[in-house]
Amino acid sequence: MEKKARTAKPVTKARAKAEYYCLWVKRNYEDVWRAVSKHDTREAAQEELDKRRGYTGVFNYDNAELRVMSRTEARKEYGKEWDYKPIGGGRKPAPVRGEIDDEA
């Protein structure tokens, strides 16, 4: 029986729409890479990388490694279930000063 050559899946609208790019940071005092922002194009992610390179102070990127990865590349490295989740995503926002949080 003759085997057929495998080809890449065709790019569908859903697949193309699902592709996005993340900026990743690995600070010199951490052992993990963190996805810190999500962008529609690789160029936009690269612009963010260049911008963050100049950050100093609290969000210090001076001695950090930065890279841009697509969703597909990240899934290859971190597993096929990986998706970008904003840092602190899903947390309830802090109450505004003077507000009382009645929900418990």
PDB file of N, CA and C in Angstrom:
ATOM      1  N   MET A   1       0.848  -1.185   0.000  1.00  0.00           N
ATOM      2  CA  MET A   1       0.000   0.000   0.000  1.00  0.00           C
ATOM      3  C   MET A   1       0.885   1.236   0.000  1.00  0.00           C
ATOM      4  N   GLU A   2       0.590   2.133  -0.872  1.00  0.00           N
ATOM      5  CA  GLU A   2       1.395   3.337  -1.031  1.00  0.00           C
ATOM      6  C   GLU A   2       0.918   4.422  -0.059  1.00  0.00           C
ATOM      7  N   LYS A   3       1.874   5.046   0.643  1.00  0.00           N
ATOM      8  CA  LYS A   3       1.527   6.108   1.584  1.00  0.00           C
ATOM      9  C   LYS A   3       1.439   7.426   0.856  1.00  0.00           C
ATOM     10  N   LYS A   4       0.479   8.231   1.244  1.00  0.00           N
ATOM     11  CA  LYS A   4       0.333   9.564   0.660  1.00  0.00           C
ATOM     12  C   LYS A   4       1.201  10.545   1.439  1.00  0.00           C
ATOM     13  N   ALA A   5       1.744  11.494   0.756  1.00  0.00           N
ATOM     14  CA  ALA A   5       2.539  12.532   1.415  1.00  0.00           C
ATOM     15  C   ALA A   5       1.604  13.425   2.218  1.00  0.00           C
ATOM     16  N   ARG A   6       2.002  13.731   3.437  1.00  0.00           N
ATOM     17  CA  ARG A   6       1.186  14.608   4.288  1.00  0.00           C
ATOM     18  C   ARG A   6       1.478  16.053   3.939  1.00  0.00           C
ATOM     19  N   THR A   7       0.448  16.819   3.893  1.00  0.00           N
ATOM     20  CA  THR A   7       0.608  18.240   3.601  1.00  0.00           C
ATOM     21  C   THR A   7       0.056  19.048   4.764  1.00  0.00           C
ATOM     22  N   ALA A   8       0.498  20.279   4.860  1.00  0.00           N
ATOM     23  CA  ALA A   8      -0.003  21.168   5.903  1.00  0.00           C
ATOM     24  C   ALA A   8      -1.472  21.459   5.658  1.00  0.00           C
ATOM     25  N   LYS A   9      -2.184  21.676   6.745  1.00  0.00           N
ATOM     26  CA  LYS A   9      -3.598  22.014   6.619  1.00  0.00           C
ATOM     27  C   LYS A   9      -3.737  23.345   5.897  1.00  0.00           C
ATOM     28  N   PRO A  10      -4.723  23.450   5.022  1.00  0.00           N
ATOM     29  CA  PRO A  10      -4.902  24.722   4.321  1.00  0.00           C
ATOM     30  C   PRO A  10      -5.324  25.819   5.303  1.00  0.00           C
ATOM     31  N   VAL A  11      -4.921  27.022   4.998  1.00  0.00           N
ATOM     32  CA  VAL A  11      -5.276  28.144   5.858  1.00  0.00           C
ATOM     33  C   VAL A  11      -6.733  28.500   5.597  1.00  0.00           C
ATOM     34  N   THR A  12      -7.529  28.330   6.619  1.00  0.00           N
ATOM     35  CA  THR A  12      -8.936  28.698   6.517  1.00  0.00           C
ATOM     36  C   THR A  12      -9.123  30.041   7.195  1.00  0.00           C
ATOM     37  N   LYS A  13     -10.289  30.628   6.999  1.00  0.00           N
ATOM     38  CA  LYS A  13     -10.551  31.919   7.653  1.00  0.00           C
ATOM     39  C   LYS A  13     -10.444  31.785   9.159  1.00  0.00           C
ATOM     40  N   ALA A  14     -10.960  30.689   9.699  1.00  0.00           N
ATOM     41  CA  ALA A  14     -10.921  30.487  11.150  1.00  0.00           C
ATOM     42  C   ALA A  14      -9.482  30.354  11.639  1.00  0.00           C
ATOM     43  N   ARG A  15      -8.658  29.584  10.889  1.00  0.00           N
ATOM     44  CA  ARG A  15      -7.255  29.412  11.296  1.00  0.00           C
ATOM     45  C   ARG A  15      -6.491  30.717  11.181  1.00  0.00           C
ATOM     46  N   ALA A  16      -6.715  31.443  10.097  1.00  0.00           N
ATOM     47  CA  ALA A  16      -6.018  32.715   9.901  1.00  0.00           C
ATOM     48  C   ALA A  16      -6.432  33.716  10.966  1.00  0.00           C
ATOM     49  N   LYS A  17      -7.710  33.721  11.305  1.00  0.00           N
ATOM     50  CA  LYS A  17      -8.217  34.657  12.312  1.00  0.00           C
ATOM     51  C   LYS A  17      -7.665  34.318  13.696  1.00  0.00           C
ATOM     52  N   ALA A  18      -7.440  33.034  13.954  1.00  0.00           N
ATOM     53  CA  ALA A  18      -6.971  32.597  15.264  1.00  0.00           C
ATOM     54  C   ALA A  18      -5.486  32.894  15.472  1.00  0.00           C
ATOM     55  N   GLU A  19      -4.742  33.182  14.399  1.00  0.00           N
ATOM     56  CA  GLU A  19      -3.308  33.440  14.545  1.00  0.00           C
ATOM     57  C   GLU A  19      -3.072  34.837  15.101  1.00  0.00           C
ATOM     58  N   TYR A  20      -2.238  34.912  16.111  1.00  0.00           N
ATOM     59  CA  TYR A  20      -1.843  36.194  16.682  1.00  0.00           C
ATOM     60  C   TYR A  20      -0.421  36.056  17.193  1.00  0.00           C
ATOM     61  N   TYR A  21       0.149  37.157  17.627  1.00  0.00           N
ATOM     62  CA  TYR A  21       1.548  37.183  18.032  1.00  0.00           C
ATOM     63  C   TYR A  21       1.658  37.748  19.435  1.00  0.00           C
ATOM     64  N   CYS A  22       2.529  37.155  20.227  1.00  0.00           N
ATOM     65  CA  CYS A  22       2.719  37.598  21.608  1.00  0.00           C
ATOM     66  C   CYS A  22       4.159  38.040  21.823  1.00  0.00           C
ATOM     67  N   LEU A  23       4.295  39.015  22.695  1.00  0.00           N
ATOM     68  CA  LEU A  23       5.611  39.444  23.151  1.00  0.00           C
ATOM     69  C   LEU A  23       5.898  38.670  24.429  1.00  0.00           C
ATOM     70  N   TRP A  24       7.031  38.018  24.458  1.00  0.00           N
ATOM     71  CA  TRP A  24       7.440  37.207  25.604  1.00  0.00           C
ATOM     72  C   TRP A  24       8.639  37.842  26.282  1.00  0.00           C
ATOM     73  N   VAL A  25       8.687  37.749  27.611  1.00  0.00           N
ATOM     74  CA  VAL A  25       9.805  38.302  28.371  1.00  0.00           C
ATOM     75  C   VAL A  25      10.308  37.243  29.356  1.00  0.00           C
ATOM     76  N   LYS A  26      11.621  37.211  29.498  1.00  0.00           N
ATOM     77  CA  LYS A  26      12.269  36.374  30.513  1.00  0.00           C
ATOM     78  C   LYS A  26      13.270  37.275  31.212  1.00  0.00           C
ATOM     79  N   ARG A  27      12.919  37.703  32.413  1.00  0.00           N
ATOM     80  CA  ARG A  27      13.801  38.606  33.162  1.00  0.00           C
ATOM     81  C   ARG A  27      14.982  37.833  33.729  1.00  0.00           C
ATOM     82  N   ASN A  28      16.059  38.542  33.994  1.00  0.00           N
ATOM     83  CA  ASN A  28      17.293  37.890  34.440  1.00  0.00           C
ATOM     84  C   ASN A  28      17.140  37.200  35.794  1.00  0.00           C
ATOM     85  N   TYR A  29      16.107  37.513  36.567  1.00  0.00           N
ATOM     86  CA  TYR A  29      15.913  36.879  37.869  1.00  0.00           C
ATOM     87  C   TYR A  29      14.804  35.819  37.828  1.00  0.00           C
ATOM     88  N   GLU A  30      14.289  35.489  36.637  1.00  0.00           N
ATOM     89  CA  GLU A  30      13.244  34.482  36.501  1.00  0.00           C
ATOM     90  C   GLU A  30      13.718  33.343  35.608  1.00  0.00           C
ATOM     91  N   ASP A  31      13.111  32.189  35.793  1.00  0.00           N
ATOM     92  CA  ASP A  31      13.445  31.023  34.968  1.00  0.00           C
ATOM     93  C   ASP A  31      12.394  30.744  33.909  1.00  0.00           C
ATOM     94  N   VAL A  32      11.337  31.539  33.874  1.00  0.00           N
ATOM     95  CA  VAL A  32      10.229  31.268  32.958  1.00  0.00           C
ATOM     96  C   VAL A  32      10.034  32.405  31.961  1.00  0.00           C
ATOM     97  N   TRP A  33       9.511  32.047  30.795  1.00  0.00           N
ATOM     98  CA  TRP A  33       9.106  33.032  29.804  1.00  0.00           C
ATOM     99  C   TRP A  33       7.659  33.397  30.080  1.00  0.00           C
ATOM    100  N   ARG A  34       7.315  34.681  30.024  1.00  0.00           N
ATOM    101  CA  ARG A  34       5.942  35.138  30.234  1.00  0.00           C
ATOM    102  C   ARG A  34       5.454  35.879  28.993  1.00  0.00           C
ATOM    103  N   ALA A  35       4.248  35.541  28.560  1.00  0.00           N
ATOM    104  CA  ALA A  35       3.623  36.277  27.459  1.00  0.00           C
ATOM    105  C   ALA A  35       3.011  37.529  28.073  1.00  0.00           C
ATOM    106  N   VAL A  36       3.489  38.702  27.659  1.00  0.00           N
ATOM    107  CA  VAL A  36       3.066  39.942  28.303  1.00  0.00           C
ATOM    108  C   VAL A  36       2.150  40.812  27.449  1.00  0.00           C
ATOM    109  N   SER A  37       2.045  40.531  26.152  1.00  0.00           N
ATOM    110  CA  SER A  37       1.110  41.295  25.319  1.00  0.00           C
ATOM    111  C   SER A  37       0.759  40.491  24.077  1.00  0.00           C
ATOM    112  N   LYS A  38      -0.396  40.808  23.514  1.00  0.00           N
ATOM    113  CA  LYS A  38      -0.936  40.092  22.351  1.00  0.00           C
ATOM    114  C   LYS A  38      -1.159  41.096  21.226  1.00  0.00           C
ATOM    115  N   HIS A  39      -0.806  40.701  19.992  1.00  0.00           N
ATOM    116  CA  HIS A  39      -0.903  41.603  18.845  1.00  0.00           C
ATOM    117  C   HIS A  39      -1.424  40.856  17.623  1.00  0.00           C
ATOM    118  N   ASP A  40      -2.042  41.592  16.706  1.00  0.00           N
ATOM    119  CA  ASP A  40      -2.604  41.001  15.497  1.00  0.00           C
ATOM    120  C   ASP A  40      -1.543  40.675  14.449  1.00  0.00           C
ATOM    121  N   THR A  41      -0.444  41.421  14.446  1.00  0.00           N
ATOM    122  CA  THR A  41       0.603  41.191  13.449  1.00  0.00           C
ATOM    123  C   THR A  41       1.961  41.062  14.129  1.00  0.00           C
ATOM    124  N   ARG A  42       2.879  40.391  13.443  1.00  0.00           N
ATOM    125  CA  ARG A  42       4.241  40.254  13.961  1.00  0.00           C
ATOM    126  C   ARG A  42       4.914  41.621  14.058  1.00  0.00           C
ATOM    127  N   GLU A  43       4.604  42.515  13.109  1.00  0.00           N
ATOM    128  CA  GLU A  43       5.193  43.860  13.107  1.00  0.00           C
ATOM    129  C   GLU A  43       4.764  44.647  14.348  1.00  0.00           C
ATOM    130  N   ALA A  44       3.482  44.549  14.703  1.00  0.00           N
ATOM    131  CA  ALA A  44       2.986  45.250  15.894  1.00  0.00           C
ATOM    132  C   ALA A  44       3.657  44.709  17.151  1.00  0.00           C
ATOM    133  N   ALA A  45       3.842  43.392  17.221  1.00  0.00           N
ATOM    134  CA  ALA A  45       4.520  42.787  18.373  1.00  0.00           C
ATOM    135  C   ALA A  45       5.978  43.230  18.422  1.00  0.00           C
ATOM    136  N   GLN A  46       6.612  43.330  17.269  1.00  0.00           N
ATOM    137  CA  GLN A  46       8.004  43.776  17.214  1.00  0.00           C
ATOM    138  C   GLN A  46       8.130  45.230  17.659  1.00  0.00           C
ATOM    139  N   GLU A  47       7.163  46.073  17.277  1.00  0.00           N
ATOM    140  CA  GLU A  47       7.157  47.469  17.730  1.00  0.00           C
ATOM    141  C   GLU A  47       7.040  47.538  19.249  1.00  0.00           C
ATOM    142  N   GLU A  48       6.182  46.700  19.821  1.00  0.00           N
ATOM    143  CA  GLU A  48       6.025  46.654  21.281  1.00  0.00           C
ATOM    144  C   GLU A  48       7.323  46.190  21.937  1.00  0.00           C
ATOM    145  N   LEU A  49       7.990  45.223  21.336  1.00  0.00           N
ATOM    146  CA  LEU A  49       9.269  44.750  21.855  1.00  0.00           C
ATOM    147  C   LEU A  49      10.277  45.898  21.883  1.00  0.00           C
ATOM    148  N   ASP A  50      10.353  46.650  20.788  1.00  0.00           N
ATOM    149  CA  ASP A  50      11.288  47.781  20.723  1.00  0.00           C
ATOM    150  C   ASP A  50      10.944  48.840  21.764  1.00  0.00           C
ATOM    151  N   LYS A  51       9.658  49.065  21.961  1.00  0.00           N
ATOM    152  CA  LYS A  51       9.211  50.063  22.946  1.00  0.00           C
ATOM    153  C   LYS A  51       9.582  49.623  24.363  1.00  0.00           C
ATOM    154  N   ARG A  52       9.328  48.365  24.684  1.00  0.00           N
ATOM    155  CA  ARG A  52       9.596  47.874  26.037  1.00  0.00           C
ATOM    156  C   ARG A  52      11.085  47.760  26.331  1.00  0.00           C
ATOM    157  N   ARG A  53      11.885  47.609  25.316  1.00  0.00           N
ATOM    158  CA  ARG A  53      13.335  47.573  25.499  1.00  0.00           C
ATOM    159  C   ARG A  53      13.822  48.815  26.249  1.00  0.00           C
ATOM    160  N   GLY A  54      13.142  49.929  26.049  1.00  0.00           N
ATOM    161  CA  GLY A  54      13.550  51.177  26.677  1.00  0.00           C
ATOM    162  C   GLY A  54      12.977  51.399  28.067  1.00  0.00           C
ATOM    163  N   TYR A  55      12.102  50.505  28.540  1.00  0.00           N
ATOM    164  CA  TYR A  55      11.514  50.668  29.877  1.00  0.00           C
ATOM    165  C   TYR A  55      12.596  50.506  30.942  1.00  0.00           C
ATOM    166  N   THR A  56      12.528  51.341  31.954  1.00  0.00           N
ATOM    167  CA  THR A  56      13.407  51.201  33.116  1.00  0.00           C
ATOM    168  C   THR A  56      12.554  51.379  34.360  1.00  0.00           C
ATOM    169  N   GLY A  57      13.118  51.076  35.502  1.00  0.00           N
ATOM    170  CA  GLY A  57      12.372  51.248  36.740  1.00  0.00           C
ATOM    171  C   GLY A  57      11.594  49.996  37.097  1.00  0.00           C
ATOM    172  N   VAL A  58      10.323  50.155  37.468  1.00  0.00           N
ATOM    173  CA  VAL A  58       9.504  49.057  37.953  1.00  0.00           C
ATOM    174  C   VAL A  58       9.399  47.935  36.920  1.00  0.00           C
ATOM    175  N   PHE A  59       9.088  48.276  35.686  1.00  0.00           N
ATOM    176  CA  PHE A  59       8.977  47.268  34.635  1.00  0.00           C
ATOM    177  C   PHE A  59      10.282  47.247  33.849  1.00  0.00           C
ATOM    178  N   ASN A  60      11.336  46.827  34.507  1.00  0.00           N
ATOM    179  CA  ASN A  60      12.678  46.883  33.950  1.00  0.00           C
ATOM    180  C   ASN A  60      12.902  45.766  32.938  1.00  0.00           C
ATOM    181  N   TYR A  61      13.175  46.145  31.703  1.00  0.00           N
ATOM    182  CA  TYR A  61      13.470  45.189  30.654  1.00  0.00           C
ATOM    183  C   TYR A  61      14.925  45.300  30.200  1.00  0.00           C
ATOM    184  N   ASP A  62      15.746  46.061  30.949  1.00  0.00           N
ATOM    185  CA  ASP A  62      17.140  46.269  30.572  1.00  0.00           C
ATOM    186  C   ASP A  62      17.907  44.963  30.414  1.00  0.00           C
ATOM    187  N   ASN A  63      17.803  44.084  31.392  1.00  0.00           N
ATOM    188  CA  ASN A  63      18.558  42.834  31.383  1.00  0.00           C
ATOM    189  C   ASN A  63      17.671  41.635  31.066  1.00  0.00           C
ATOM    190  N   ALA A  64      16.553  41.879  30.409  1.00  0.00           N
ATOM    191  CA  ALA A  64      15.615  40.804  30.099  1.00  0.00           C
ATOM    192  C   ALA A  64      15.790  40.335  28.662  1.00  0.00           C
ATOM    193  N   GLU A  65      15.448  39.072  28.440  1.00  0.00           N
ATOM    194  CA  GLU A  65      15.376  38.550  27.081  1.00  0.00           C
ATOM    195  C   GLU A  65      13.955  38.799  26.597  1.00  0.00           C
ATOM    196  N   LEU A  66      13.805  39.291  25.385  1.00  0.00           N
ATOM    197  CA  LEU A  66      12.494  39.525  24.795  1.00  0.00           C
ATOM    198  C   LEU A  66      12.413  38.789  23.470  1.00  0.00           C
ATOM    199  N   ARG A  67      11.245  38.269  23.156  1.00  0.00           N
ATOM    200  CA  ARG A  67      11.048  37.616  21.867  1.00  0.00           C
ATOM    201  C   ARG A  67       9.589  37.698  21.449  1.00  0.00           C
ATOM    202  N   VAL A  68       9.362  37.539  20.165  1.00  0.00           N
ATOM    203  CA  VAL A  68       8.009  37.525  19.595  1.00  0.00           C
ATOM    204  C   VAL A  68       7.750  36.118  19.092  1.00  0.00           C
ATOM    205  N   MET A  69       6.589  35.583  19.453  1.00  0.00           N
ATOM    206  CA  MET A  69       6.198  34.253  18.983  1.00  0.00           C
ATOM    207  C   MET A  69       4.752  34.281  18.530  1.00  0.00           C
ATOM    208  N   SER A  70       4.473  33.538  17.476  1.00  0.00           N
ATOM    209  CA  SER A  70       3.082  33.400  17.041  1.00  0.00           C
ATOM    210  C   SER A  70       2.389  32.391  17.941  1.00  0.00           C
ATOM    211  N   ARG A  71       1.081  32.367  17.856  1.00  0.00           N
ATOM    212  CA  ARG A  71       0.303  31.401  18.630  1.00  0.00           C
ATOM    213  C   ARG A  71       0.720  29.979  18.246  1.00  0.00           C
ATOM    214  N   THR A  72       0.928  29.746  16.964  1.00  0.00           N
ATOM    215  CA  THR A  72       1.328  28.428  16.480  1.00  0.00           C
ATOM    216  C   THR A  72       2.686  28.021  17.052  1.00  0.00           C
ATOM    217  N   GLU A  73       3.641  28.949  17.047  1.00  0.00           N
ATOM    218  CA  GLU A  73       4.968  28.667  17.601  1.00  0.00           C
ATOM    219  C   GLU A  73       4.886  28.376  19.097  1.00  0.00           C
ATOM    220  N   ALA A  74       4.067  29.145  19.809  1.00  0.00           N
ATOM    221  CA  ALA A  74       3.907  28.946  21.255  1.00  0.00           C
ATOM    222  C   ALA A  74       3.271  27.594  21.548  1.00  0.00           C
ATOM    223  N   ARG A  75       2.314  27.196  20.726  1.00  0.00           N
ATOM    224  CA  ARG A  75       1.669  25.895  20.928  1.00  0.00           C
ATOM    225  C   ARG A  75       2.645  24.747  20.681  1.00  0.00           C
ATOM    226  N   LYS A  76       3.563  24.926  19.759  1.00  0.00           N
ATOM    227  CA  LYS A  76       4.579  23.892  19.526  1.00  0.00           C
ATOM    228  C   LYS A  76       5.488  23.764  20.746  1.00  0.00           C
ATOM    229  N   GLU A  77       5.798  24.894  21.374  1.00  0.00           N
ATOM    230  CA  GLU A  77       6.723  24.884  22.509  1.00  0.00           C
ATOM    231  C   GLU A  77       6.043  24.558  23.836  1.00  0.00           C
ATOM    232  N   TYR A  78       4.796  25.024  24.027  1.00  0.00           N
ATOM    233  CA  TYR A  78       4.133  24.892  25.329  1.00  0.00           C
ATOM    234  C   TYR A  78       2.921  23.970  25.330  1.00  0.00           C
ATOM    235  N   GLY A  79       2.637  23.301  24.222  1.00  0.00           N
ATOM    236  CA  GLY A  79       1.515  22.372  24.167  1.00  0.00           C
ATOM    237  C   GLY A  79       0.369  22.930  23.344  1.00  0.00           C
ATOM    238  N   LYS A  80      -0.382  22.026  22.716  1.00  0.00           N
ATOM    239  CA  LYS A  80      -1.401  22.472  21.765  1.00  0.00           C
ATOM    240  C   LYS A  80      -2.609  23.135  22.406  1.00  0.00           C
ATOM    241  N   GLU A  81      -2.711  23.115  23.707  1.00  0.00           N
ATOM    242  CA  GLU A  81      -3.829  23.785  24.387  1.00  0.00           C
ATOM    243  C   GLU A  81      -3.490  25.218  24.805  1.00  0.00           C
ATOM    244  N   TRP A  82      -2.243  25.652  24.567  1.00  0.00           N
ATOM    245  CA  TRP A  82      -1.813  26.977  25.023  1.00  0.00           C
ATOM    246  C   TRP A  82      -2.593  28.079  24.309  1.00  0.00           C
ATOM    247  N   ASP A  83      -3.019  29.081  25.058  1.00  0.00           N
ATOM    248  CA  ASP A  83      -3.611  30.308  24.528  1.00  0.00           C
ATOM    249  C   ASP A  83      -3.184  31.461  25.419  1.00  0.00           C
ATOM    250  N   TYR A  84      -3.100  32.642  24.826  1.00  0.00           N
ATOM    251  CA  TYR A  84      -2.699  33.823  25.589  1.00  0.00           C
ATOM    252  C   TYR A  84      -3.756  34.177  26.618  1.00  0.00           C
ATOM    253  N   LYS A  85      -3.319  34.403  27.833  1.00  0.00           N
ATOM    254  CA  LYS A  85      -4.193  34.899  28.899  1.00  0.00           C
ATOM    255  C   LYS A  85      -3.487  36.091  29.523  1.00  0.00           C
ATOM    256  N   PRO A  86      -4.157  37.232  29.582  1.00  0.00           N
ATOM    257  CA  PRO A  86      -3.506  38.404  30.165  1.00  0.00           C
ATOM    258  C   PRO A  86      -3.097  38.151  31.617  1.00  0.00           C
ATOM    259  N   ILE A  87      -1.979  38.705  32.012  1.00  0.00           N
ATOM    260  CA  ILE A  87      -1.532  38.583  33.399  1.00  0.00           C
ATOM    261  C   ILE A  87      -2.585  39.249  34.271  1.00  0.00           C
ATOM    262  N   GLY A  88      -3.056  38.539  35.276  1.00  0.00           N
ATOM    263  CA  GLY A  88      -4.111  39.058  36.140  1.00  0.00           C
ATOM    264  C   GLY A  88      -5.494  38.914  35.538  1.00  0.00           C
ATOM    265  N   GLY A  89      -5.604  38.266  34.385  1.00  0.00           N
ATOM    266  CA  GLY A  89      -6.892  38.095  33.717  1.00  0.00           C
ATOM    267  C   GLY A  89      -7.837  37.268  34.574  1.00  0.00           C
ATOM    268  N   GLY A  90      -9.089  37.661  34.597  1.00  0.00           N
ATOM    269  CA  GLY A  90     -10.086  36.944  35.370  1.00  0.00           C
ATOM    270  C   GLY A  90     -10.222  37.442  36.799  1.00  0.00           C
ATOM    271  N   ARG A  91      -9.303  38.276  37.224  1.00  0.00           N
ATOM    272  CA  ARG A  91      -9.410  38.826  38.576  1.00  0.00           C
ATOM    273  C   ARG A  91     -10.432  39.946  38.604  1.00  0.00           C
ATOM    274  N   LYS A  92     -11.083  40.076  39.727  1.00  0.00           N
ATOM    275  CA  LYS A  92     -12.038  41.153  39.929  1.00  0.00           C
ATOM    276  C   LYS A  92     -11.250  42.453  40.135  1.00  0.00           C
ATOM    277  N   PRO A  93     -11.620  43.538  39.447  1.00  0.00           N
ATOM    278  CA  PRO A  93     -10.882  44.790  39.636  1.00  0.00           C
ATOM    279  C   PRO A  93     -11.009  45.313  41.064  1.00  0.00           C
ATOM    280  N   ALA A  94      -9.993  46.018  41.506  1.00  0.00           N
ATOM    281  CA  ALA A  94     -10.009  46.592  42.848  1.00  0.00           C
ATOM    282  C   ALA A  94     -11.104  47.653  42.937  1.00  0.00           C
ATOM    283  N   PRO A  95     -11.782  47.739  44.075  1.00  0.00           N
ATOM    284  CA  PRO A  95     -12.840  48.745  44.205  1.00  0.00           C
ATOM    285  C   PRO A  95     -12.264  50.159  44.172  1.00  0.00           C
ATOM    286  N   VAL A  96     -13.049  51.072  43.637  1.00  0.00           N
ATOM    287  CA  VAL A  96     -12.655  52.470  43.592  1.00  0.00           C
ATOM    288  C   VAL A  96     -12.735  53.012  45.008  1.00  0.00           C
ATOM    289  N   ARG A  97     -11.828  53.903  45.349  1.00  0.00           N
ATOM    290  CA  ARG A  97     -11.779  54.456  46.703  1.00  0.00           C
ATOM    291  C   ARG A  97     -13.140  55.021  47.095  1.00  0.00           C
ATOM    292  N   GLY A  98     -13.626  54.621  48.246  1.00  0.00           N
ATOM    293  CA  GLY A  98     -14.911  55.096  48.735  1.00  0.00           C
ATOM    294  C   GLY A  98     -16.056  54.146  48.414  1.00  0.00           C
ATOM    295  N   GLU A  99     -15.828  53.189  47.528  1.00  0.00           N
ATOM    296  CA  GLU A  99     -16.859  52.207  47.201  1.00  0.00           C
ATOM    297  C   GLU A  99     -16.832  51.084  48.205  1.00  0.00           C
ATOM    298  N   ILE A 100     -17.987  50.498  48.436  1.00  0.00           N
ATOM    299  CA  ILE A 100     -18.081  49.342  49.308  1.00  0.00           C
ATOM    300  C   ILE A 100     -18.425  48.155  48.435  1.00  0.00           C
ATOM    301  N   ASP A 101     -17.685  47.104  48.595  1.00  0.00           N
ATOM    302  CA  ASP A 101     -17.934  45.899  47.806  1.00  0.00           C
ATOM    303  C   ASP A 101     -18.930  45.039  48.555  1.00  0.00           C
ATOM    304  N   ASP A 102     -20.186  45.047  48.100  1.00  0.00           N
ATOM    305  CA  ASP A 102     -21.238  44.310  48.765  1.00  0.00           C
ATOM    306  C   ASP A 102     -21.272  42.846  48.376  1.00  0.00           C
ATOM    307  N   GLU A 103     -20.600  42.476  47.312  1.00  0.00           N
ATOM    308  CA  GLU A 103     -20.598  41.083  46.884  1.00  0.00           C
ATOM    309  C   GLU A 103     -19.640  40.282  47.742  1.00  0.00           C
ATOM    310  N   ALA A 104     -20.104  39.137  48.181  1.00  0.00           N
ATOM    311  CA  ALA A 104     -19.233  38.287  48.981  1.00  0.00           C
ATOM    312  C   ALA A 104     -19.177  36.906  48.420  1.00  0.00           C
TER     313      ALA A 104
END
